[in-house]
Amino acid sequence: MANTKSAIKAARKSARFTVRNQAVKTRLKTLHKKLDAAIKAGEAAATKVAANAYASAMDKAVKSGVVHRNAASRAKAHTAKYVFAK
C-alpha cells in the first residue's frame, strides 16, 4: 500500500492509465483482426479502409503514449505491404 501522498496519487494515476491503455490496446487488436480478415478475403477496397483505420489508431496510440513509436511504425509498414502490393 502506498504510504506517501505522492505515492497514493501515483497509484490512482496508474489505475486510471491502466484502464485507458487496455481500452486502446483492445481497439488496436480489433482493428488488426478486421484488417487480417479483409486481406484474407482478398478485398482491395476493404483492405485499404481497414489499413487506414488501423494506421490512424496506431498514430493516436503513439500520441497518448500507449504504444512505442517504433512499434507503431513497424506495424504500419507491415500493413502498407499488403495495401500497396496489390
PDB file of N, CA and C in Angstrom:
ATOM      1  N   MET A   1       0.845  -1.184   0.000  1.00  0.00           N
ATOM      2  CA  MET A   1       0.000   0.000   0.000  1.00  0.00           C
ATOM      3  C   MET A   1       0.888   1.243   0.000  1.00  0.00           C
ATOM      4  N   ALA A   2       0.430   2.246  -0.714  1.00  0.00           N
ATOM      5  CA  ALA A   2       1.189   3.495  -0.802  1.00  0.00           C
ATOM      6  C   ALA A   2       1.163   4.231   0.530  1.00  0.00           C
ATOM      7  N   ASN A   3       2.306   4.805   0.914  1.00  0.00           N
ATOM      8  CA  ASN A   3       2.416   5.470   2.215  1.00  0.00           C
ATOM      9  C   ASN A   3       2.405   6.992   2.123  1.00  0.00           C
ATOM     10  N   THR A   4       2.988   7.544   1.085  1.00  0.00           N
ATOM     11  CA  THR A   4       3.074   8.997   0.992  1.00  0.00           C
ATOM     12  C   THR A   4       1.969   9.535   0.083  1.00  0.00           C
ATOM     13  N   LYS A   5       1.764  10.860   0.176  1.00  0.00           N
ATOM     14  CA  LYS A   5       0.741  11.485  -0.662  1.00  0.00           C
ATOM     15  C   LYS A   5       1.036  11.281  -2.142  1.00  0.00           C
ATOM     16  N   SER A   6       2.302  11.461  -2.513  1.00  0.00           N
ATOM     17  CA  SER A   6       2.661  11.326  -3.921  1.00  0.00           C
ATOM     18  C   SER A   6       2.489   9.881  -4.399  1.00  0.00           C
ATOM     19  N   ALA A   7       2.769   8.916  -3.538  1.00  0.00           N
ATOM     20  CA  ALA A   7       2.612   7.510  -3.912  1.00  0.00           C
ATOM     21  C   ALA A   7       1.137   7.149  -4.053  1.00  0.00           C
ATOM     22  N   ILE A   8       0.300   7.736  -3.213  1.00  0.00           N
ATOM     23  CA  ILE A   8      -1.141   7.497  -3.308  1.00  0.00           C
ATOM     24  C   ILE A   8      -1.668   8.054  -4.632  1.00  0.00           C
ATOM     25  N   LYS A   9      -1.225   9.260  -4.957  1.00  0.00           N
ATOM     26  CA  LYS A   9      -1.646   9.880  -6.220  1.00  0.00           C
ATOM     27  C   LYS A   9      -1.127   9.063  -7.406  1.00  0.00           C
ATOM     28  N   ALA A  10       0.105   8.595  -7.321  1.00  0.00           N
ATOM     29  CA  ALA A  10       0.686   7.786  -8.400  1.00  0.00           C
ATOM     30  C   ALA A  10      -0.100   6.492  -8.586  1.00  0.00           C
ATOM     31  N   ALA A  11      -0.553   5.897  -7.485  1.00  0.00           N
ATOM     32  CA  ALA A  11      -1.342   4.663  -7.569  1.00  0.00           C
ATOM     33  C   ALA A  11      -2.684   4.931  -8.248  1.00  0.00           C
ATOM     34  N   ARG A  12      -3.297   6.068  -7.934  1.00  0.00           N
ATOM     35  CA  ARG A  12      -4.565   6.435  -8.582  1.00  0.00           C
ATOM     36  C   ARG A  12      -4.355   6.639 -10.082  1.00  0.00           C
ATOM     37  N   LYS A  13      -3.289   7.353 -10.428  1.00  0.00           N
ATOM     38  CA  LYS A  13      -2.991   7.607 -11.840  1.00  0.00           C
ATOM     39  C   LYS A  13      -2.709   6.302 -12.575  1.00  0.00           C
ATOM     40  N   SER A  14      -1.967   5.422 -11.933  1.00  0.00           N
ATOM     41  CA  SER A  14      -1.618   4.157 -12.541  1.00  0.00           C
ATOM     42  C   SER A  14      -2.872   3.354 -12.875  1.00  0.00           C
ATOM     43  N   ALA A  15      -3.820   3.329 -11.951  1.00  0.00           N
ATOM     44  CA  ALA A  15      -5.065   2.599 -12.187  1.00  0.00           C
ATOM     45  C   ALA A  15      -5.842   3.216 -13.347  1.00  0.00           C
ATOM     46  N   ARG A  16      -5.882   4.549 -13.386  1.00  0.00           N
ATOM     47  CA  ARG A  16      -6.611   5.248 -14.442  1.00  0.00           C
ATOM     48  C   ARG A  16      -5.968   4.988 -15.810  1.00  0.00           C
ATOM     49  N   PHE A  17      -4.642   5.069 -15.868  1.00  0.00           N
ATOM     50  CA  PHE A  17      -3.932   4.852 -17.129  1.00  0.00           C
ATOM     51  C   PHE A  17      -4.025   3.404 -17.587  1.00  0.00           C
ATOM     52  N   THR A  18      -4.051   2.479 -16.644  1.00  0.00           N
ATOM     53  CA  THR A  18      -4.160   1.068 -16.992  1.00  0.00           C
ATOM     54  C   THR A  18      -5.460   0.795 -17.727  1.00  0.00           C
ATOM     55  N   VAL A  19      -6.535   1.376 -17.234  1.00  0.00           N
ATOM     56  CA  VAL A  19      -7.841   1.194 -17.877  1.00  0.00           C
ATOM     57  C   VAL A  19      -7.824   1.793 -19.277  1.00  0.00           C
ATOM     58  N   ARG A  20      -7.277   3.001 -19.408  1.00  0.00           N
ATOM     59  CA  ARG A  20      -7.216   3.663 -20.714  1.00  0.00           C
ATOM     60  C   ARG A  20      -6.351   2.869 -21.693  1.00  0.00           C
ATOM     61  N   ASN A  21      -5.189   2.439 -21.221  1.00  0.00           N
ATOM     62  CA  ASN A  21      -4.271   1.695 -22.086  1.00  0.00           C
ATOM     63  C   ASN A  21      -4.899   0.396 -22.565  1.00  0.00           C
ATOM     64  N   GLN A  22      -5.610  -0.284 -21.670  1.00  0.00           N
ATOM     65  CA  GLN A  22      -6.241  -1.553 -22.038  1.00  0.00           C
ATOM     66  C   GLN A  22      -7.299  -1.333 -23.109  1.00  0.00           C
ATOM     67  N   ALA A  23      -8.067  -0.241 -22.986  1.00  0.00           N
ATOM     68  CA  ALA A  23      -9.092   0.059 -23.982  1.00  0.00           C
ATOM     69  C   ALA A  23      -8.464   0.339 -25.342  1.00  0.00           C
ATOM     70  N   VAL A  24      -7.390   1.091 -25.355  1.00  0.00           N
ATOM     71  CA  VAL A  24      -6.717   1.424 -26.617  1.00  0.00           C
ATOM     72  C   VAL A  24      -6.130   0.168 -27.252  1.00  0.00           C
ATOM     73  N   LYS A  25      -5.491  -0.665 -26.457  1.00  0.00           N
ATOM     74  CA  LYS A  25      -4.885  -1.886 -26.985  1.00  0.00           C
ATOM     75  C   LYS A  25      -5.940  -2.850 -27.527  1.00  0.00           C
ATOM     76  N   THR A  26      -7.084  -2.924 -26.850  1.00  0.00           N
ATOM     77  CA  THR A  26      -8.167  -3.781 -27.319  1.00  0.00           C
ATOM     78  C   THR A  26      -8.677  -3.288 -28.663  1.00  0.00           C
ATOM     79  N   ARG A  27      -8.821  -1.963 -28.796  1.00  0.00           N
ATOM     80  CA  ARG A  27      -9.272  -1.388 -30.077  1.00  0.00           C
ATOM     81  C   ARG A  27      -8.261  -1.692 -31.182  1.00  0.00           C
ATOM     82  N   LEU A  28      -6.985  -1.596 -30.877  1.00  0.00           N
ATOM     83  CA  LEU A  28      -5.954  -1.894 -31.874  1.00  0.00           C
ATOM     84  C   LEU A  28      -6.036  -3.359 -32.323  1.00  0.00           C
ATOM     85  N   LYS A  29      -6.231  -4.245 -31.371  1.00  0.00           N
ATOM     86  CA  LYS A  29      -6.327  -5.666 -31.712  1.00  0.00           C
ATOM     87  C   LYS A  29      -7.539  -5.934 -32.589  1.00  0.00           C
ATOM     88  N   THR A  30      -8.659  -5.279 -32.283  1.00  0.00           N
ATOM     89  CA  THR A  30      -9.875  -5.451 -33.076  1.00  0.00           C
ATOM     90  C   THR A  30      -9.663  -4.954 -34.500  1.00  0.00           C
ATOM     91  N   LEU A  31      -9.055  -3.772 -34.630  1.00  0.00           N
ATOM     92  CA  LEU A  31      -8.794  -3.231 -35.961  1.00  0.00           C
ATOM     93  C   LEU A  31      -7.830  -4.114 -36.746  1.00  0.00           C
ATOM     94  N   HIS A  32      -6.855  -4.700 -36.052  1.00  0.00           N
ATOM     95  CA  HIS A  32      -5.896  -5.584 -36.711  1.00  0.00           C
ATOM     96  C   HIS A  32      -6.590  -6.849 -37.212  1.00  0.00           C
ATOM     97  N   LYS A  33      -7.520  -7.376 -36.424  1.00  0.00           N
ATOM     98  CA  LYS A  33      -8.274  -8.557 -36.849  1.00  0.00           C
ATOM     99  C   LYS A  33      -9.129  -8.245 -38.070  1.00  0.00           C
ATOM    100  N   LYS A  34      -9.729  -7.050 -38.095  1.00  0.00           N
ATOM    101  CA  LYS A  34     -10.530  -6.649 -39.258  1.00  0.00           C
ATOM    102  C   LYS A  34      -9.648  -6.522 -40.491  1.00  0.00           C
ATOM    103  N   LEU A  35      -8.455  -5.995 -40.308  1.00  0.00           N
ATOM    104  CA  LEU A  35      -7.513  -5.878 -41.420  1.00  0.00           C
ATOM    105  C   LEU A  35      -7.126  -7.252 -41.940  1.00  0.00           C
ATOM    106  N   ASP A  36      -6.812  -8.172 -41.042  1.00  0.00           N
ATOM    107  CA  ASP A  36      -6.447  -9.528 -41.446  1.00  0.00           C
ATOM    108  C   ASP A  36      -7.585 -10.206 -42.197  1.00  0.00           C
ATOM    109  N   ALA A  37      -8.810  -9.995 -41.726  1.00  0.00           N
ATOM    110  CA  ALA A  37      -9.969 -10.593 -42.392  1.00  0.00           C
ATOM    111  C   ALA A  37     -10.132 -10.035 -43.800  1.00  0.00           C
ATOM    112  N   ALA A  38      -9.923  -8.735 -43.959  1.00  0.00           N
ATOM    113  CA  ALA A  38     -10.047  -8.115 -45.277  1.00  0.00           C
ATOM    114  C   ALA A  38      -8.950  -8.612 -46.214  1.00  0.00           C
ATOM    115  N   ILE A  39      -7.750  -8.796 -45.680  1.00  0.00           N
ATOM    116  CA  ILE A  39      -6.640  -9.293 -46.500  1.00  0.00           C
ATOM    117  C   ILE A  39      -6.928 -10.725 -46.962  1.00  0.00           C
ATOM    118  N   LYS A  40      -7.414 -11.569 -46.037  1.00  0.00           N
ATOM    119  CA  LYS A  40      -7.694 -12.963 -46.374  1.00  0.00           C
ATOM    120  C   LYS A  40      -8.853 -13.082 -47.358  1.00  0.00           C
ATOM    121  N   ALA A  41      -9.811 -12.143 -47.271  1.00  0.00           N
ATOM    122  CA  ALA A  41     -10.943 -12.158 -48.190  1.00  0.00           C
ATOM    123  C   ALA A  41     -10.528 -11.681 -49.577  1.00  0.00           C
ATOM    124  N   GLY A  42      -9.416 -10.975 -49.661  1.00  0.00           N
ATOM    125  CA  GLY A  42      -8.920 -10.514 -50.946  1.00  0.00           C
ATOM    126  C   GLY A  42      -9.628  -9.284 -51.476  1.00  0.00           C
ATOM    127  N   GLU A  43     -10.270  -8.552 -50.585  1.00  0.00           N
ATOM    128  CA  GLU A  43     -10.999  -7.348 -50.985  1.00  0.00           C
ATOM    129  C   GLU A  43     -10.063  -6.142 -50.878  1.00  0.00           C
ATOM    130  N   ALA A  44      -9.699  -5.584 -52.016  1.00  0.00           N
ATOM    131  CA  ALA A  44      -8.730  -4.486 -52.028  1.00  0.00           C
ATOM    132  C   ALA A  44      -9.278  -3.231 -51.368  1.00  0.00           C
ATOM    133  N   ALA A  45     -10.531  -2.891 -51.648  1.00  0.00           N
ATOM    134  CA  ALA A  45     -11.122  -1.670 -51.085  1.00  0.00           C
ATOM    135  C   ALA A  45     -11.259  -1.783 -49.578  1.00  0.00           C
ATOM    136  N   ALA A  46     -11.752  -2.928 -49.116  1.00  0.00           N
ATOM    137  CA  ALA A  46     -11.931  -3.136 -47.673  1.00  0.00           C
ATOM    138  C   ALA A  46     -10.584  -3.165 -46.961  1.00  0.00           C
ATOM    139  N   THR A  47      -9.584  -3.720 -47.614  1.00  0.00           N
ATOM    140  CA  THR A  47      -8.242  -3.767 -47.034  1.00  0.00           C
ATOM    141  C   THR A  47      -7.680  -2.361 -46.852  1.00  0.00           C
ATOM    142  N   LYS A  48      -7.892  -1.522 -47.858  1.00  0.00           N
ATOM    143  CA  LYS A  48      -7.380  -0.153 -47.774  1.00  0.00           C
ATOM    144  C   LYS A  48      -8.064   0.630 -46.656  1.00  0.00           C
ATOM    145  N   VAL A  49      -9.379   0.477 -46.535  1.00  0.00           N
ATOM    146  CA  VAL A  49     -10.131   1.172 -45.476  1.00  0.00           C
ATOM    147  C   VAL A  49      -9.681   0.686 -44.101  1.00  0.00           C
ATOM    148  N   ALA A  50      -9.546  -0.629 -43.954  1.00  0.00           N
ATOM    149  CA  ALA A  50      -9.127  -1.201 -42.676  1.00  0.00           C
ATOM    150  C   ALA A  50      -7.701  -0.781 -42.336  1.00  0.00           C
ATOM    151  N   ALA A  51      -6.841  -0.712 -43.335  1.00  0.00           N
ATOM    152  CA  ALA A  51      -5.448  -0.317 -43.107  1.00  0.00           C
ATOM    153  C   ALA A  51      -5.371   1.134 -42.657  1.00  0.00           C
ATOM    154  N   ASN A  52      -6.171   1.996 -43.275  1.00  0.00           N
ATOM    155  CA  ASN A  52      -6.189   3.398 -42.875  1.00  0.00           C
ATOM    156  C   ASN A  52      -6.676   3.558 -41.438  1.00  0.00           C
ATOM    157  N   ALA A  53      -7.711   2.819 -41.077  1.00  0.00           N
ATOM    158  CA  ALA A  53      -8.241   2.899 -39.713  1.00  0.00           C
ATOM    159  C   ALA A  53      -7.206   2.393 -38.707  1.00  0.00           C
ATOM    160  N   TYR A  54      -6.527   1.313 -39.049  1.00  0.00           N
ATOM    161  CA  TYR A  54      -5.525   0.731 -38.160  1.00  0.00           C
ATOM    162  C   TYR A  54      -4.332   1.673 -37.988  1.00  0.00           C
ATOM    163  N   ALA A  55      -3.878   2.263 -39.085  1.00  0.00           N
ATOM    164  CA  ALA A  55      -2.744   3.186 -39.018  1.00  0.00           C
ATOM    165  C   ALA A  55      -3.100   4.431 -38.212  1.00  0.00           C
ATOM    166  N   SER A  56      -4.301   4.926 -38.404  1.00  0.00           N
ATOM    167  CA  SER A  56      -4.754   6.095 -37.658  1.00  0.00           C
ATOM    168  C   SER A  56      -4.817   5.791 -36.164  1.00  0.00           C
ATOM    169  N   ALA A  57      -5.355   4.633 -35.822  1.00  0.00           N
ATOM    170  CA  ALA A  57      -5.451   4.246 -34.410  1.00  0.00           C
ATOM    171  C   ALA A  57      -4.057   4.064 -33.802  1.00  0.00           C
ATOM    172  N   MET A  58      -3.136   3.535 -34.591  1.00  0.00           N
ATOM    173  CA  MET A  58      -1.763   3.374 -34.116  1.00  0.00           C
ATOM    174  C   MET A  58      -1.131   4.727 -33.821  1.00  0.00           C
ATOM    175  N   ASP A  59      -1.333   5.695 -34.725  1.00  0.00           N
ATOM    176  CA  ASP A  59      -0.778   7.030 -34.517  1.00  0.00           C
ATOM    177  C   ASP A  59      -1.343   7.673 -33.253  1.00  0.00           C
ATOM    178  N   LYS A  60      -2.636   7.485 -33.022  1.00  0.00           N
ATOM    179  CA  LYS A  60      -3.260   8.043 -31.822  1.00  0.00           C
ATOM    180  C   LYS A  60      -2.725   7.362 -30.564  1.00  0.00           C
ATOM    181  N   ALA A  61      -2.473   6.048 -30.650  1.00  0.00           N
ATOM    182  CA  ALA A  61      -1.924   5.319 -29.508  1.00  0.00           C
ATOM    183  C   ALA A  61      -0.514   5.805 -29.184  1.00  0.00           C
ATOM    184  N   VAL A  62       0.257   6.120 -30.217  1.00  0.00           N
ATOM    185  CA  VAL A  62       1.607   6.660 -30.005  1.00  0.00           C
ATOM    186  C   VAL A  62       1.512   8.032 -29.356  1.00  0.00           C
ATOM    187  N   LYS A  63       0.594   8.837 -29.839  1.00  0.00           N
ATOM    188  CA  LYS A  63       0.426  10.198 -29.325  1.00  0.00           C
ATOM    189  C   LYS A  63       0.090  10.193 -27.835  1.00  0.00           C
ATOM    190  N   SER A  64      -0.706   9.216 -27.400  1.00  0.00           N
ATOM    191  CA  SER A  64      -1.090   9.149 -25.993  1.00  0.00           C
ATOM    192  C   SER A  64      -0.109   8.327 -25.159  1.00  0.00           C
ATOM    193  N   GLY A  65       0.908   7.756 -25.809  1.00  0.00           N
ATOM    194  CA  GLY A  65       1.948   7.042 -25.073  1.00  0.00           C
ATOM    195  C   GLY A  65       1.643   5.593 -24.769  1.00  0.00           C
ATOM    196  N   VAL A  66       0.643   5.026 -25.420  1.00  0.00           N
ATOM    197  CA  VAL A  66       0.279   3.631 -25.158  1.00  0.00           C
ATOM    198  C   VAL A  66       1.200   2.679 -25.903  1.00  0.00           C
ATOM    199  N   VAL A  67       1.582   3.069 -27.125  1.00  0.00           N
ATOM    200  CA  VAL A  67       2.434   2.229 -27.972  1.00  0.00           C
ATOM    201  C   VAL A  67       3.696   3.012 -28.304  1.00  0.00           C
ATOM    202  N   HIS A  68       4.821   2.333 -28.339  1.00  0.00           N
ATOM    203  CA  HIS A  68       6.076   2.974 -28.700  1.00  0.00           C
ATOM    204  C   HIS A  68       6.048   3.333 -30.186  1.00  0.00           C
ATOM    205  N   ARG A  69       6.666   4.449 -30.534  1.00  0.00           N
ATOM    206  CA  ARG A  69       6.592   4.925 -31.922  1.00  0.00           C
ATOM    207  C   ARG A  69       7.236   3.957 -32.892  1.00  0.00           C
ATOM    208  N   ASN A  70       8.294   3.281 -32.493  1.00  0.00           N
ATOM    209  CA  ASN A  70       8.935   2.323 -33.400  1.00  0.00           C
ATOM    210  C   ASN A  70       8.049   1.100 -33.629  1.00  0.00           C
ATOM    211  N   ALA A  71       7.343   0.677 -32.598  1.00  0.00           N
ATOM    212  CA  ALA A  71       6.430  -0.460 -32.738  1.00  0.00           C
ATOM    213  C   ALA A  71       5.291  -0.098 -33.680  1.00  0.00           C
ATOM    214  N   ALA A  72       4.782   1.117 -33.548  1.00  0.00           N
ATOM    215  CA  ALA A  72       3.706   1.572 -34.430  1.00  0.00           C
ATOM    216  C   ALA A  72       4.206   1.692 -35.864  1.00  0.00           C
ATOM    217  N   SER A  73       5.402   2.208 -36.032  1.00  0.00           N
ATOM    218  CA  SER A  73       5.979   2.352 -37.362  1.00  0.00           C
ATOM    219  C   SER A  73       6.145   0.989 -38.019  1.00  0.00           C
ATOM    220  N   ARG A  74       6.594   0.028 -37.255  1.00  0.00           N
ATOM    221  CA  ARG A  74       6.776  -1.327 -37.777  1.00  0.00           C
ATOM    222  C   ARG A  74       5.423  -1.926 -38.183  1.00  0.00           C
ATOM    223  N   ALA A  75       4.411  -1.745 -37.344  1.00  0.00           N
ATOM    224  CA  ALA A  75       3.081  -2.282 -37.644  1.00  0.00           C
ATOM    225  C   ALA A  75       2.501  -1.628 -38.895  1.00  0.00           C
ATOM    226  N   LYS A  76       2.703  -0.325 -39.025  1.00  0.00           N
ATOM    227  CA  LYS A  76       2.190   0.391 -40.195  1.00  0.00           C
ATOM    228  C   LYS A  76       2.924  -0.048 -41.467  1.00  0.00           C
ATOM    229  N   ALA A  77       4.209  -0.334 -41.354  1.00  0.00           N
ATOM    230  CA  ALA A  77       4.973  -0.799 -42.506  1.00  0.00           C
ATOM    231  C   ALA A  77       4.474  -2.173 -42.957  1.00  0.00           C
ATOM    232  N   HIS A  78       4.179  -3.042 -42.015  1.00  0.00           N
ATOM    233  CA  HIS A  78       3.654  -4.366 -42.351  1.00  0.00           C
ATOM    234  C   HIS A  78       2.289  -4.231 -43.024  1.00  0.00           C
ATOM    235  N   THR A  79       1.502  -3.278 -42.537  1.00  0.00           N
ATOM    236  CA  THR A  79       0.180  -3.033 -43.111  1.00  0.00           C
ATOM    237  C   THR A  79       0.308  -2.522 -44.543  1.00  0.00           C
ATOM    238  N   ALA A  80       1.211  -1.582 -44.754  1.00  0.00           N
ATOM    239  CA  ALA A  80       1.391  -0.981 -46.073  1.00  0.00           C
ATOM    240  C   ALA A  80       1.838  -2.017 -47.093  1.00  0.00           C
ATOM    241  N   LYS A  81       2.532  -3.032 -46.636  1.00  0.00           N
ATOM    242  CA  LYS A  81       2.993  -4.084 -47.529  1.00  0.00           C
ATOM    243  C   LYS A  81       1.810  -4.762 -48.231  1.00  0.00           C
ATOM    244  N   TYR A  82       0.704  -4.932 -47.505  1.00  0.00           N
ATOM    245  CA  TYR A  82      -0.472  -5.585 -48.081  1.00  0.00           C
ATOM    246  C   TYR A  82      -1.328  -4.624 -48.886  1.00  0.00           C
ATOM    247  N   VAL A  83      -1.318  -3.366 -48.502  1.00  0.00           N
ATOM    248  CA  VAL A  83      -2.165  -2.389 -49.185  1.00  0.00           C
ATOM    249  C   VAL A  83      -1.588  -2.024 -50.542  1.00  0.00           C
ATOM    250  N   PHE A  84      -0.293  -1.754 -50.580  1.00  0.00           N
ATOM    251  CA  PHE A  84       0.315  -1.263 -51.808  1.00  0.00           C
ATOM    252  C   PHE A  84       0.838  -2.375 -52.718  1.00  0.00           C
ATOM    253  N   ALA A  85       0.848  -3.605 -52.234  1.00  0.00           N
ATOM    254  CA  ALA A  85       1.345  -4.705 -53.051  1.00  0.00           C
ATOM    255  C   ALA A  85       0.336  -5.072 -54.137  1.00  0.00           C
ATOM    256  N   LYS A  86      -0.923  -4.703 -53.919  1.00  0.00           N
ATOM    257  CA  LYS A  86      -1.966  -5.115 -54.871  1.00  0.00           C
ATOM    258  C   LYS A  86      -2.420  -3.996 -55.745  1.00  0.00           C
TER     259      LYS A  86
END
